[in-house]
Amino acid sequence: MRYLVQFLVPALIVVTVVYLLTRTKRGQDEAGDGNGTDTGLFILILVVGAAVAILSFVLLQNVLG
């Protein structure tokens, strides 16, 4: 159960941030402000960082556990 919580908390944070950014992006598109490259790049960096963090956690648990 502890491992499930340790996985879900970062995953929920990432999902929430991505949801908020896409909602904000949609609002900007409807308003006509188009600066999508910065937002897209930020989301990409965020997702890659989360994937690296989760993979390193899993690998460390397998090696040390």
Protein backbone atom coordinates (compact mmCIF):
# COMPACT_ATOMS: atom_id res chain seq x y z
CA MET A 1 0.00 0.00 0.00
CA ARG A 2 2.87 2.33 0.80
CA TYR A 3 4.32 1.91 -2.69
CA LEU A 4 0.96 2.61 -4.25
CA VAL A 5 0.69 5.90 -2.37
CA GLN A 6 4.28 6.80 -3.24
CA PHE A 7 3.43 6.29 -6.89
CA LEU A 8 0.01 7.94 -6.89
CA VAL A 9 0.96 11.22 -5.21
CA PRO A 10 3.49 12.31 -7.91
CA ALA A 11 1.22 10.93 -10.63
CA LEU A 12 -1.74 12.96 -9.35
CA ILE A 13 0.42 16.09 -9.16
CA VAL A 14 1.52 15.62 -12.78
CA VAL A 15 -2.02 14.94 -13.97
CA THR A 16 -3.34 18.01 -12.14
CA VAL A 17 -0.64 20.30 -13.56
CA VAL A 18 -1.16 19.00 -17.10
CA TYR A 19 -4.94 19.46 -16.74
CA LEU A 20 -4.55 23.02 -15.49
CA LEU A 21 -2.07 23.90 -18.23
CA THR A 22 -4.26 22.48 -20.99
CA ARG A 23 -7.30 24.28 -19.58
CA THR A 24 -5.33 27.53 -19.53
CA LYS A 25 -4.06 26.84 -23.06
CA ARG A 26 -7.60 26.32 -24.32
CA GLY A 27 -8.62 29.63 -22.74
CA GLN A 28 -5.73 31.39 -24.47
CA ASP A 29 -6.65 29.82 -27.82
CA GLU A 30 -10.22 31.03 -27.51
CA ALA A 31 -9.01 34.51 -26.58
CA GLY A 32 -6.61 34.58 -29.52
CA ASP A 33 -3.37 34.63 -27.52
CA GLY A 34 -1.14 32.04 -29.12
CA ASN A 35 2.03 31.18 -27.24
CA GLY A 36 1.67 27.39 -27.34
CA THR A 37 5.32 26.50 -27.83
CA ASP A 38 6.29 27.53 -24.30
CA THR A 39 3.40 25.65 -22.74
CA GLY A 40 3.99 22.57 -24.88
CA LEU A 41 7.68 22.54 -24.04
CA PHE A 42 6.93 22.92 -20.34
CA ILE A 43 4.49 20.01 -20.43
CA LEU A 44 7.04 17.86 -22.27
CA ILE A 45 9.76 18.65 -19.72
CA LEU A 46 7.33 17.96 -16.89
CA VAL A 47 6.27 14.59 -18.29
CA VAL A 48 9.85 13.50 -19.01
CA GLY A 49 10.94 14.52 -15.51
CA ALA A 50 8.05 12.61 -13.93
CA ALA A 51 8.86 9.52 -15.99
CA VAL A 52 12.52 9.66 -14.96
CA ALA A 53 11.55 10.07 -11.30
CA ILE A 54 9.16 7.12 -11.40
CA LEU A 55 11.62 4.89 -13.27
CA SER A 56 14.45 5.74 -10.90
CA PHE A 57 12.18 4.99 -7.93
CA VAL A 58 11.22 1.60 -9.38
CA LEU A 59 14.82 0.73 -10.24
CA LEU A 60 16.07 1.72 -6.79
CA GLN A 61 13.37 -0.38 -5.13
CA ASN A 62 14.37 -3.40 -7.24
CA VAL A 63 18.09 -2.98 -6.56
CA LEU A 64 17.86 -2.14 -2.87
CA GLY A 65 14.80 -4.24 -2.02
